[in-house]
Each structure stands twice: as structure tokens, then as C-alpha cells.
Amino acid sequence: GKIEIEHASAFLYFNKKGIVQELIHNLKYKGNEEIGTV
């Protein structure tokens, strides 16, 4: 009801204090851009 899209998905679930939060934090604030590549 907001915008028309063909597809939407996300790879991982993000939970507070979980492993994915740690990965995103390291990617976003610690300069570990290799996380995005993998």
C-alpha cells in the first residue's frame, strides 16, 4: 500500500545483541568492508 515493487528480501535476521548486529556494526563503524563482500 506504499510503493509498487517487484521483489523485496533480506538475507539475515537482525536481532539485538545477536551475531548479525555485531557484523553490521563492524561493517558500518569499524571499516570491515570485507563483510559486505562475503
PDB file of all heavy atoms in Angstrom:
ATOM      1  N   GLY A   1       0.784  -1.226   0.000  1.00  0.00           N
ATOM      2  CA  GLY A   1       0.000   0.000   0.000  1.00  0.00           C
ATOM      3  C   GLY A   1       0.814   1.274   0.000  1.00  0.00           C
ATOM      4  O   GLY A   1       0.256   2.370   0.087  1.00  0.00           O
ATOM      5  N   LYS A   2       2.128   1.178  -0.109  1.00  0.00           N
ATOM      6  CA  LYS A   2       3.003   2.350  -0.083  1.00  0.00           C
ATOM      7  C   LYS A   2       3.657   2.586  -1.442  1.00  0.00           C
ATOM      8  O   LYS A   2       3.528   3.652  -2.023  1.00  0.00           O
ATOM      9  CB  LYS A   2       4.073   2.175   1.000  1.00  0.00           C
ATOM     10  CG  LYS A   2       3.509   2.048   2.409  1.00  0.00           C
ATOM     11  CD  LYS A   2       4.609   1.778   3.416  1.00  0.00           C
ATOM     12  CE  LYS A   2       4.038   1.603   4.818  1.00  0.00           C
ATOM     13  NZ  LYS A   2       5.106   1.267   5.800  1.00  0.00           N
ATOM     14  N   ILE A   3       4.367   1.594  -1.921  1.00  0.00           N
ATOM     15  CA  ILE A   3       5.005   1.684  -3.238  1.00  0.00           C
ATOM     16  C   ILE A   3       4.874   0.346  -3.949  1.00  0.00           C
ATOM     17  O   ILE A   3       4.730  -0.695  -3.305  1.00  0.00           O
ATOM     18  CB  ILE A   3       6.506   2.050  -3.134  1.00  0.00           C
ATOM     19  CG1 ILE A   3       7.215   1.094  -2.164  1.00  0.00           C
ATOM     20  CG2 ILE A   3       6.711   3.509  -2.756  1.00  0.00           C
ATOM     21  CD1 ILE A   3       8.723   1.218  -2.187  1.00  0.00           C
ATOM     22  N   GLU A   4       4.937   0.397  -5.249  1.00  0.00           N
ATOM     23  CA  GLU A   4       4.875  -0.832  -6.039  1.00  0.00           C
ATOM     24  C   GLU A   4       6.291  -1.356  -6.254  1.00  0.00           C
ATOM     25  O   GLU A   4       7.151  -0.658  -6.775  1.00  0.00           O
ATOM     26  CB  GLU A   4       4.209  -0.568  -7.388  1.00  0.00           C
ATOM     27  CG  GLU A   4       4.017  -1.836  -8.207  1.00  0.00           C
ATOM     28  CD  GLU A   4       3.271  -1.589  -9.510  1.00  0.00           C
ATOM     29  OE1 GLU A   4       2.631  -0.521  -9.624  1.00  0.00           O
ATOM     30  OE2 GLU A   4       3.333  -2.449 -10.405  1.00  0.00           O
ATOM     31  N   ILE A   5       6.524  -2.587  -5.829  1.00  0.00           N
ATOM     32  CA  ILE A   5       7.829  -3.207  -6.009  1.00  0.00           C
ATOM     33  C   ILE A   5       7.675  -4.570  -6.679  1.00  0.00           C
ATOM     34  O   ILE A   5       6.617  -5.188  -6.605  1.00  0.00           O
ATOM     35  CB  ILE A   5       8.575  -3.371  -4.670  1.00  0.00           C
ATOM     36  CG1 ILE A   5       7.744  -4.193  -3.674  1.00  0.00           C
ATOM     37  CG2 ILE A   5       8.949  -2.012  -4.077  1.00  0.00           C
ATOM     38  CD1 ILE A   5       8.476  -4.535  -2.392  1.00  0.00           C
ATOM     39  N   GLU A   6       8.741  -5.000  -7.316  1.00  0.00           N
ATOM     40  CA  GLU A   6       8.741  -6.306  -7.976  1.00  0.00           C
ATOM     41  C   GLU A   6       9.135  -7.416  -7.000  1.00  0.00           C
ATOM     42  O   GLU A   6       8.673  -8.545  -7.105  1.00  0.00           O
ATOM     43  CB  GLU A   6       9.737  -6.293  -9.153  1.00  0.00           C
ATOM     44  CG  GLU A   6       9.521  -5.168 -10.155  1.00  0.00           C
ATOM     45  CD  GLU A   6       8.154  -5.236 -10.802  1.00  0.00           C
ATOM     46  OE1 GLU A   6       7.778  -6.314 -11.302  1.00  0.00           O
ATOM     47  OE2 GLU A   6       7.454  -4.195 -10.789  1.00  0.00           O
ATOM     48  N   HIS A   7      10.011  -7.070  -6.058  1.00  0.00           N
ATOM     49  CA  HIS A   7      10.550  -8.066  -5.127  1.00  0.00           C
ATOM     50  C   HIS A   7      11.167  -7.341  -3.937  1.00  0.00           C
ATOM     51  O   HIS A   7      11.671  -6.228  -4.073  1.00  0.00           O
ATOM     52  CB  HIS A   7      11.631  -8.908  -5.828  1.00  0.00           C
ATOM     53  CG  HIS A   7      12.465  -9.718  -4.881  1.00  0.00           C
ATOM     54  ND1 HIS A   7      12.073 -10.944  -4.415  1.00  0.00           N
ATOM     55  CD2 HIS A   7      13.676  -9.461  -4.292  1.00  0.00           C
ATOM     56  CE1 HIS A   7      12.998 -11.411  -3.597  1.00  0.00           C
ATOM     57  NE2 HIS A   7      13.970 -10.529  -3.502  1.00  0.00           N
ATOM     58  N   ALA A   8      11.134  -7.962  -2.774  1.00  0.00           N
ATOM     59  CA  ALA A   8      11.865  -7.464  -1.608  1.00  0.00           C
ATOM     60  C   ALA A   8      12.316  -8.665  -0.784  1.00  0.00           C
ATOM     61  O   ALA A   8      11.573  -9.630  -0.620  1.00  0.00           O
ATOM     62  CB  ALA A   8      11.008  -6.534  -0.758  1.00  0.00           C
ATOM     63  N   SER A   9      13.530  -8.601  -0.288  1.00  0.00           N
ATOM     64  CA  SER A   9      14.021  -9.664   0.583  1.00  0.00           C
ATOM     65  C   SER A   9      15.208  -9.160   1.388  1.00  0.00           C
ATOM     66  O   SER A   9      15.800  -8.129   1.072  1.00  0.00           O
ATOM     67  CB  SER A   9      14.428 -10.909  -0.224  1.00  0.00           C
ATOM     68  OG  SER A   9      15.507 -10.619  -1.092  1.00  0.00           O
ATOM     69  N   ALA A  10      15.517  -9.886   2.443  1.00  0.00           N
ATOM     70  CA  ALA A  10      16.696  -9.618   3.255  1.00  0.00           C
ATOM     71  C   ALA A  10      17.372 -10.953   3.508  1.00  0.00           C
ATOM     72  O   ALA A  10      16.711 -11.987   3.638  1.00  0.00           O
ATOM     73  CB  ALA A  10      16.301  -8.944   4.566  1.00  0.00           C
ATOM     74  N   PHE A  11      18.676 -10.939   3.597  1.00  0.00           N
ATOM     75  CA  PHE A  11      19.431 -12.175   3.722  1.00  0.00           C
ATOM     76  C   PHE A  11      19.354 -12.769   5.126  1.00  0.00           C
ATOM     77  O   PHE A  11      19.152 -13.960   5.303  1.00  0.00           O
ATOM     78  CB  PHE A  11      20.891 -11.891   3.343  1.00  0.00           C
ATOM     79  CG  PHE A  11      21.785 -13.097   3.321  1.00  0.00           C
ATOM     80  CD1 PHE A  11      21.330 -14.328   2.900  1.00  0.00           C
ATOM     81  CD2 PHE A  11      23.116 -12.981   3.716  1.00  0.00           C
ATOM     82  CE1 PHE A  11      22.162 -15.435   2.872  1.00  0.00           C
ATOM     83  CE2 PHE A  11      23.954 -14.073   3.684  1.00  0.00           C
ATOM     84  CZ  PHE A  11      23.483 -15.303   3.271  1.00  0.00           C
ATOM     85  N   LEU A  12      19.500 -11.911   6.152  1.00  0.00           N
ATOM     86  CA  LEU A  12      19.614 -12.369   7.531  1.00  0.00           C
ATOM     87  C   LEU A  12      18.608 -11.671   8.441  1.00  0.00           C
ATOM     88  O   LEU A  12      18.158 -10.570   8.137  1.00  0.00           O
ATOM     89  CB  LEU A  12      21.030 -12.083   8.068  1.00  0.00           C
ATOM     90  CG  LEU A  12      22.197 -12.668   7.277  1.00  0.00           C
ATOM     91  CD1 LEU A  12      23.495 -11.996   7.695  1.00  0.00           C
ATOM     92  CD2 LEU A  12      22.288 -14.178   7.476  1.00  0.00           C
ATOM     93  N   TYR A  13      18.290 -12.303   9.563  1.00  0.00           N
ATOM     94  CA  TYR A  13      17.505 -11.656  10.605  1.00  0.00           C
ATOM     95  C   TYR A  13      18.448 -10.864  11.502  1.00  0.00           C
ATOM     96  O   TYR A  13      19.508 -11.359  11.904  1.00  0.00           O
ATOM     97  CB  TYR A  13      16.760 -12.687  11.457  1.00  0.00           C
ATOM     98  CG  TYR A  13      15.566 -13.319  10.788  1.00  0.00           C
ATOM     99  CD1 TYR A  13      15.529 -14.690  10.538  1.00  0.00           C
ATOM    100  CD2 TYR A  13      14.465 -12.546  10.416  1.00  0.00           C
ATOM    101  CE1 TYR A  13      14.417 -15.279   9.931  1.00  0.00           C
ATOM    102  CE2 TYR A  13      13.355 -13.131   9.812  1.00  0.00           C
ATOM    103  CZ  TYR A  13      13.345 -14.491   9.573  1.00  0.00           C
ATOM    104  OH  TYR A  13      12.258 -15.068   8.974  1.00  0.00           O
ATOM    105  N   PHE A  14      18.044  -9.643  11.830  1.00  0.00           N
ATOM    106  CA  PHE A  14      18.829  -8.778  12.710  1.00  0.00           C
ATOM    107  C   PHE A  14      18.168  -8.767  14.077  1.00  0.00           C
ATOM    108  O   PHE A  14      17.027  -8.328  14.223  1.00  0.00           O
ATOM    109  CB  PHE A  14      18.862  -7.362  12.122  1.00  0.00           C
ATOM    110  CG  PHE A  14      19.664  -6.357  12.913  1.00  0.00           C
ATOM    111  CD1 PHE A  14      20.946  -6.012  12.526  1.00  0.00           C
ATOM    112  CD2 PHE A  14      19.126  -5.738  14.029  1.00  0.00           C
ATOM    113  CE1 PHE A  14      21.688  -5.072  13.246  1.00  0.00           C
ATOM    114  CE2 PHE A  14      19.837  -4.803  14.753  1.00  0.00           C
ATOM    115  CZ  PHE A  14      21.130  -4.473  14.355  1.00  0.00           C
ATOM    116  N   ASN A  15      18.870  -9.274  15.086  1.00  0.00           N
ATOM    117  CA  ASN A  15      18.381  -9.284  16.458  1.00  0.00           C
ATOM    118  C   ASN A  15      19.328  -8.498  17.347  1.00  0.00           C
ATOM    119  O   ASN A  15      20.545  -8.544  17.163  1.00  0.00           O
ATOM    120  CB  ASN A  15      18.267 -10.719  16.993  1.00  0.00           C
ATOM    121  CG  ASN A  15      17.242 -11.540  16.236  1.00  0.00           C
ATOM    122  OD1 ASN A  15      16.060 -11.224  16.247  1.00  0.00           O
ATOM    123  ND2 ASN A  15      17.699 -12.593  15.564  1.00  0.00           N
ATOM    124  N   LYS A  16      18.786  -7.781  18.319  1.00  0.00           N
ATOM    125  CA  LYS A  16      19.605  -7.031  19.259  1.00  0.00           C
ATOM    126  C   LYS A  16      20.589  -7.964  19.958  1.00  0.00           C
ATOM    127  O   LYS A  16      20.218  -9.036  20.431  1.00  0.00           O
ATOM    128  CB  LYS A  16      18.722  -6.345  20.315  1.00  0.00           C
ATOM    129  CG  LYS A  16      17.898  -5.176  19.772  1.00  0.00           C
ATOM    130  CD  LYS A  16      18.776  -3.964  19.508  1.00  0.00           C
ATOM    131  CE  LYS A  16      17.928  -2.756  19.131  1.00  0.00           C
ATOM    132  NZ  LYS A  16      18.761  -1.570  18.848  1.00  0.00           N
ATOM    133  N   LYS A  17      21.850  -7.554  19.982  1.00  0.00           N
ATOM    134  CA  LYS A  17      22.947  -8.293  20.635  1.00  0.00           C
ATOM    135  C   LYS A  17      23.220  -9.637  19.971  1.00  0.00           C
ATOM    136  O   LYS A  17      23.898 -10.490  20.562  1.00  0.00           O
ATOM    137  CB  LYS A  17      22.649  -8.481  22.134  1.00  0.00           C
ATOM    138  CG  LYS A  17      22.533  -7.167  22.889  1.00  0.00           C
ATOM    139  CD  LYS A  17      22.310  -7.396  24.379  1.00  0.00           C
ATOM    140  CE  LYS A  17      22.208  -6.048  25.103  1.00  0.00           C
ATOM    141  NZ  LYS A  17      21.976  -6.222  26.569  1.00  0.00           N
ATOM    142  N   GLY A  18      22.715  -9.833  18.765  1.00  0.00           N
ATOM    143  CA  GLY A  18      22.967 -11.066  18.042  1.00  0.00           C
ATOM    144  C   GLY A  18      24.179 -10.950  17.138  1.00  0.00           C
ATOM    145  O   GLY A  18      24.806  -9.898  17.000  1.00  0.00           O
ATOM    146  N   ILE A  19      24.508 -12.049  16.479  1.00  0.00           N
ATOM    147  CA  ILE A  19      25.680 -12.099  15.625  1.00  0.00           C
ATOM    148  C   ILE A  19      25.574 -11.126  14.444  1.00  0.00           C
ATOM    149  O   ILE A  19      26.561 -10.497  14.055  1.00  0.00           O
ATOM    150  CB  ILE A  19      25.937 -13.547  15.120  1.00  0.00           C
ATOM    151  CG1 ILE A  19      27.227 -13.599  14.298  1.00  0.00           C
ATOM    152  CG2 ILE A  19      24.754 -14.057  14.303  1.00  0.00           C
ATOM    153  CD1 ILE A  19      27.595 -15.003  13.899  1.00  0.00           C
ATOM    154  N   VAL A  20      24.374 -10.964  13.899  1.00  0.00           N
ATOM    155  CA  VAL A  20      24.210 -10.078  12.742  1.00  0.00           C
ATOM    156  C   VAL A  20      24.397  -8.624  13.156  1.00  0.00           C
ATOM    157  O   VAL A  20      24.997  -7.833  12.409  1.00  0.00           O
ATOM    158  CB  VAL A  20      22.834 -10.289  12.080  1.00  0.00           C
ATOM    159  CG1 VAL A  20      22.648  -9.324  10.911  1.00  0.00           C
ATOM    160  CG2 VAL A  20      22.708 -11.730  11.585  1.00  0.00           C
ATOM    161  N   GLN A  21      23.935  -8.251  14.334  1.00  0.00           N
ATOM    162  CA  GLN A  21      24.180  -6.892  14.820  1.00  0.00           C
ATOM    163  C   GLN A  21      25.679  -6.633  14.928  1.00  0.00           C
ATOM    164  O   GLN A  21      26.164  -5.551  14.570  1.00  0.00           O
ATOM    165  CB  GLN A  21      23.523  -6.669  16.183  1.00  0.00           C
ATOM    166  CG  GLN A  21      23.712  -5.228  16.679  1.00  0.00           C
ATOM    167  CD  GLN A  21      23.114  -4.975  18.043  1.00  0.00           C
ATOM    168  OE1 GLN A  21      23.249  -5.814  18.942  1.00  0.00           O
ATOM    169  NE2 GLN A  21      22.465  -3.849  18.217  1.00  0.00           N
ATOM    170  N   GLU A  22      26.424  -7.624  15.387  1.00  0.00           N
ATOM    171  CA  GLU A  22      27.876  -7.480  15.504  1.00  0.00           C
ATOM    172  C   GLU A  22      28.520  -7.318  14.121  1.00  0.00           C
ATOM    173  O   GLU A  22      29.409  -6.480  13.925  1.00  0.00           O
ATOM    174  CB  GLU A  22      28.456  -8.703  16.222  1.00  0.00           C
ATOM    175  CG  GLU A  22      29.928  -8.593  16.563  1.00  0.00           C
ATOM    176  CD  GLU A  22      30.240  -7.523  17.586  1.00  0.00           C
ATOM    177  OE1 GLU A  22      29.333  -7.135  18.359  1.00  0.00           O
ATOM    178  OE2 GLU A  22      31.395  -7.060  17.619  1.00  0.00           O
ATOM    179  N   LEU A  23      28.055  -8.096  13.163  1.00  0.00           N
ATOM    180  CA  LEU A  23      28.585  -7.994  11.796  1.00  0.00           C
ATOM    181  C   LEU A  23      28.316  -6.618  11.203  1.00  0.00           C
ATOM    182  O   LEU A  23      29.221  -5.979  10.646  1.00  0.00           O
ATOM    183  CB  LEU A  23      27.946  -9.064  10.904  1.00  0.00           C
ATOM    184  CG  LEU A  23      28.348 -10.515  11.119  1.00  0.00           C
ATOM    185  CD1 LEU A  23      27.565 -11.411  10.170  1.00  0.00           C
ATOM    186  CD2 LEU A  23      29.840 -10.709  10.911  1.00  0.00           C
ATOM    187  N   ILE A  24      27.077  -6.157  11.310  1.00  0.00           N
ATOM    188  CA  ILE A  24      26.712  -4.854  10.747  1.00  0.00           C
ATOM    189  C   ILE A  24      27.477  -3.734  11.437  1.00  0.00           C
ATOM    190  O   ILE A  24      27.917  -2.773  10.799  1.00  0.00           O
ATOM    191  CB  ILE A  24      25.191  -4.615  10.850  1.00  0.00           C
ATOM    192  CG1 ILE A  24      24.420  -5.678  10.043  1.00  0.00           C
ATOM    193  CG2 ILE A  24      24.830  -3.214  10.367  1.00  0.00           C
ATOM    194  CD1 ILE A  24      24.689  -5.667   8.558  1.00  0.00           C
ATOM    195  N   HIS A  25      27.661  -3.845  12.749  1.00  0.00           N
ATOM    196  CA  HIS A  25      28.416  -2.836  13.493  1.00  0.00           C
ATOM    197  C   HIS A  25      29.860  -2.773  12.998  1.00  0.00           C
ATOM    198  O   HIS A  25      30.420  -1.683  12.789  1.00  0.00           O
ATOM    199  CB  HIS A  25      28.388  -3.156  14.989  1.00  0.00           C
ATOM    200  CG  HIS A  25      29.139  -2.169  15.828  1.00  0.00           C
ATOM    201  ND1 HIS A  25      28.600  -0.968  16.246  1.00  0.00           N
ATOM    202  CD2 HIS A  25      30.416  -2.186  16.319  1.00  0.00           C
ATOM    203  CE1 HIS A  25      29.489  -0.297  16.950  1.00  0.00           C
ATOM    204  NE2 HIS A  25      30.598  -1.013  17.008  1.00  0.00           N
ATOM    205  N   ASN A  26      30.469  -3.931  12.808  1.00  0.00           N
ATOM    206  CA  ASN A  26      31.852  -3.975  12.322  1.00  0.00           C
ATOM    207  C   ASN A  26      31.972  -3.448  10.903  1.00  0.00           C
ATOM    208  O   ASN A  26      32.969  -2.816  10.545  1.00  0.00           O
ATOM    209  CB  ASN A  26      32.395  -5.401  12.398  1.00  0.00           C
ATOM    210  CG  ASN A  26      32.875  -5.763  13.791  1.00  0.00           C
ATOM    211  OD1 ASN A  26      33.809  -5.175  14.323  1.00  0.00           O
ATOM    212  ND2 ASN A  26      32.212  -6.724  14.415  1.00  0.00           N
ATOM    213  N   LEU A  27      30.962  -3.698  10.100  1.00  0.00           N
ATOM    214  CA  LEU A  27      30.951  -3.194   8.726  1.00  0.00           C
ATOM    215  C   LEU A  27      30.742  -1.684   8.697  1.00  0.00           C
ATOM    216  O   LEU A  27      31.457  -0.951   8.009  1.00  0.00           O
ATOM    217  CB  LEU A  27      29.833  -3.897   7.941  1.00  0.00           C
ATOM    218  CG  LEU A  27      29.464  -3.312   6.573  1.00  0.00           C
ATOM    219  CD1 LEU A  27      30.647  -3.387   5.607  1.00  0.00           C
ATOM    220  CD2 LEU A  27      28.265  -4.045   5.990  1.00  0.00           C
ATOM    221  N   LYS A  28      29.788  -1.215   9.470  1.00  0.00           N
ATOM    222  CA  LYS A  28      29.352   0.179   9.389  1.00  0.00           C
ATOM    223  C   LYS A  28      30.267   1.154  10.119  1.00  0.00           C
ATOM    224  O   LYS A  28      30.486   2.282   9.656  1.00  0.00           O
ATOM    225  CB  LYS A  28      27.932   0.274   9.959  1.00  0.00           C
ATOM    226  CG  LYS A  28      27.183   1.550   9.625  1.00  0.00           C
ATOM    227  CD  LYS A  28      25.720   1.409  10.001  1.00  0.00           C
ATOM    228  CE  LYS A  28      24.910   2.646   9.625  1.00  0.00           C
ATOM    229  NZ  LYS A  28      23.466   2.468   9.911  1.00  0.00           N
ATOM    230  N   TYR A  29      30.820   0.710  11.257  1.00  0.00           N
ATOM    231  CA  TYR A  29      31.572   1.645  12.093  1.00  0.00           C
ATOM    232  C   TYR A  29      33.046   1.284  12.292  1.00  0.00           C
ATOM    233  O   TYR A  29      33.826   2.115  12.742  1.00  0.00           O
ATOM    234  CB  TYR A  29      30.906   1.765  13.472  1.00  0.00           C
ATOM    235  CG  TYR A  29      29.476   2.218  13.387  1.00  0.00           C
ATOM    236  CD1 TYR A  29      28.426   1.359  13.708  1.00  0.00           C
ATOM    237  CD2 TYR A  29      29.153   3.511  12.977  1.00  0.00           C
ATOM    238  CE1 TYR A  29      27.107   1.772  13.630  1.00  0.00           C
ATOM    239  CE2 TYR A  29      27.833   3.933  12.891  1.00  0.00           C
ATOM    240  CZ  TYR A  29      26.814   3.059  13.222  1.00  0.00           C
ATOM    241  OH  TYR A  29      25.509   3.468  13.134  1.00  0.00           O
ATOM    242  N   LYS A  30      33.425   0.051  11.947  1.00  0.00           N
ATOM    243  CA  LYS A  30      34.804  -0.382  12.163  1.00  0.00           C
ATOM    244  C   LYS A  30      35.598  -0.550  10.872  1.00  0.00           C
ATOM    245  O   LYS A  30      36.744  -0.982  10.888  1.00  0.00           O
ATOM    246  CB  LYS A  30      34.817  -1.721  12.938  1.00  0.00           C
ATOM    247  CG  LYS A  30      34.130  -1.664  14.302  1.00  0.00           C
ATOM    248  CD  LYS A  30      34.865  -0.769  15.273  1.00  0.00           C
ATOM    249  CE  LYS A  30      34.231  -0.816  16.664  1.00  0.00           C
ATOM    250  NZ  LYS A  30      34.920   0.049  17.630  1.00  0.00           N
ATOM    251  N   GLY A  31      34.965  -0.220   9.744  1.00  0.00           N
ATOM    252  CA  GLY A  31      35.678  -0.254   8.471  1.00  0.00           C
ATOM    253  C   GLY A  31      35.930  -1.627   7.886  1.00  0.00           C
ATOM    254  O   GLY A  31      36.715  -1.764   6.946  1.00  0.00           O
ATOM    255  N   ASN A  32      35.272  -2.668   8.416  1.00  0.00           N
ATOM    256  CA  ASN A  32      35.480  -4.018   7.888  1.00  0.00           C
ATOM    257  C   ASN A  32      34.556  -4.245   6.687  1.00  0.00           C
ATOM    258  O   ASN A  32      33.558  -4.961   6.762  1.00  0.00           O
ATOM    259  CB  ASN A  32      35.221  -5.060   8.975  1.00  0.00           C
ATOM    260  CG  ASN A  32      35.705  -6.446   8.583  1.00  0.00           C
ATOM    261  OD1 ASN A  32      36.006  -6.706   7.408  1.00  0.00           O
ATOM    262  ND2 ASN A  32      35.793  -7.334   9.551  1.00  0.00           N
ATOM    263  N   GLU A  33      34.914  -3.632   5.560  1.00  0.00           N
ATOM    264  CA  GLU A  33      34.067  -3.696   4.367  1.00  0.00           C
ATOM    265  C   GLU A  33      34.038  -5.079   3.725  1.00  0.00           C
ATOM    266  O   GLU A  33      33.165  -5.379   2.915  1.00  0.00           O
ATOM    267  CB  GLU A  33      34.540  -2.655   3.358  1.00  0.00           C
ATOM    268  CG  GLU A  33      34.330  -1.220   3.804  1.00  0.00           C
ATOM    269  CD  GLU A  33      34.662  -0.233   2.707  1.00  0.00           C
ATOM    270  OE1 GLU A  33      33.770   0.062   1.895  1.00  0.00           O
ATOM    271  OE2 GLU A  33      35.823   0.224   2.674  1.00  0.00           O
ATOM    272  N   GLU A  34      34.990  -5.928   4.098  1.00  0.00           N
ATOM    273  CA  GLU A  34      35.009  -7.279   3.540  1.00  0.00           C
ATOM    274  C   GLU A  34      33.766  -8.069   3.944  1.00  0.00           C
ATOM    275  O   GLU A  34      33.359  -9.007   3.256  1.00  0.00           O
ATOM    276  CB  GLU A  34      36.280  -8.008   3.992  1.00  0.00           C
ATOM    277  CG  GLU A  34      36.560  -9.278   3.198  1.00  0.00           C
ATOM    278  CD  GLU A  34      37.876  -9.930   3.552  1.00  0.00           C
ATOM    279  OE1 GLU A  34      38.527  -9.481   4.526  1.00  0.00           O
ATOM    280  OE2 GLU A  34      38.251 -10.901   2.873  1.00  0.00           O
ATOM    281  N   ILE A  35      33.144  -7.673   5.056  1.00  0.00           N
ATOM    282  CA  ILE A  35      31.896  -8.327   5.491  1.00  0.00           C
ATOM    283  C   ILE A  35      30.845  -8.208   4.391  1.00  0.00           C
ATOM    284  O   ILE A  35      30.144  -9.175   4.068  1.00  0.00           O
ATOM    285  CB  ILE A  35      31.382  -7.693   6.798  1.00  0.00           C
ATOM    286  CG1 ILE A  35      32.324  -8.020   7.953  1.00  0.00           C
ATOM    287  CG2 ILE A  35      29.958  -8.169   7.117  1.00  0.00           C
ATOM    288  CD1 ILE A  35      32.027  -7.250   9.226  1.00  0.00           C
ATOM    289  N   GLY A  36      30.713  -7.023   3.808  1.00  0.00           N
ATOM    290  CA  GLY A  36      29.749  -6.810   2.730  1.00  0.00           C
ATOM    291  C   GLY A  36      30.024  -7.685   1.530  1.00  0.00           C
ATOM    292  O   GLY A  36      29.097  -8.225   0.910  1.00  0.00           O
ATOM    293  N   THR A  37      31.296  -7.842   1.201  1.00  0.00           N
ATOM    294  CA  THR A  37      31.672  -8.684   0.059  1.00  0.00           C
ATOM    295  C   THR A  37      31.273 -10.135   0.293  1.00  0.00           C
ATOM    296  O   THR A  37      30.674 -10.781  -0.581  1.00  0.00           O
ATOM    297  CB  THR A  37      33.187  -8.602  -0.193  1.00  0.00           C
ATOM    298  OG1 THR A  37      33.545  -7.243  -0.452  1.00  0.00           O
ATOM    299  CG2 THR A  37      33.597  -9.468  -1.376  1.00  0.00           C
ATOM    300  N   VAL A  38      31.598 -10.650   1.476  1.00  0.00           N
ATOM    301  CA  VAL A  38      31.296 -12.057   1.785  1.00  0.00           C
ATOM    302  C   VAL A  38      29.787 -12.301   1.803  1.00  0.00           C
ATOM    303  O   VAL A  38      29.301 -13.289   1.226  1.00  0.00           O
ATOM    304  CB  VAL A  38      31.930 -12.452   3.135  1.00  0.00           C
ATOM    305  CG1 VAL A  38      31.463 -13.841   3.566  1.00  0.00           C
ATOM    306  CG2 VAL A  38      33.447 -12.428   3.024  1.00  0.00           C
TER     307      VAL A  38
END
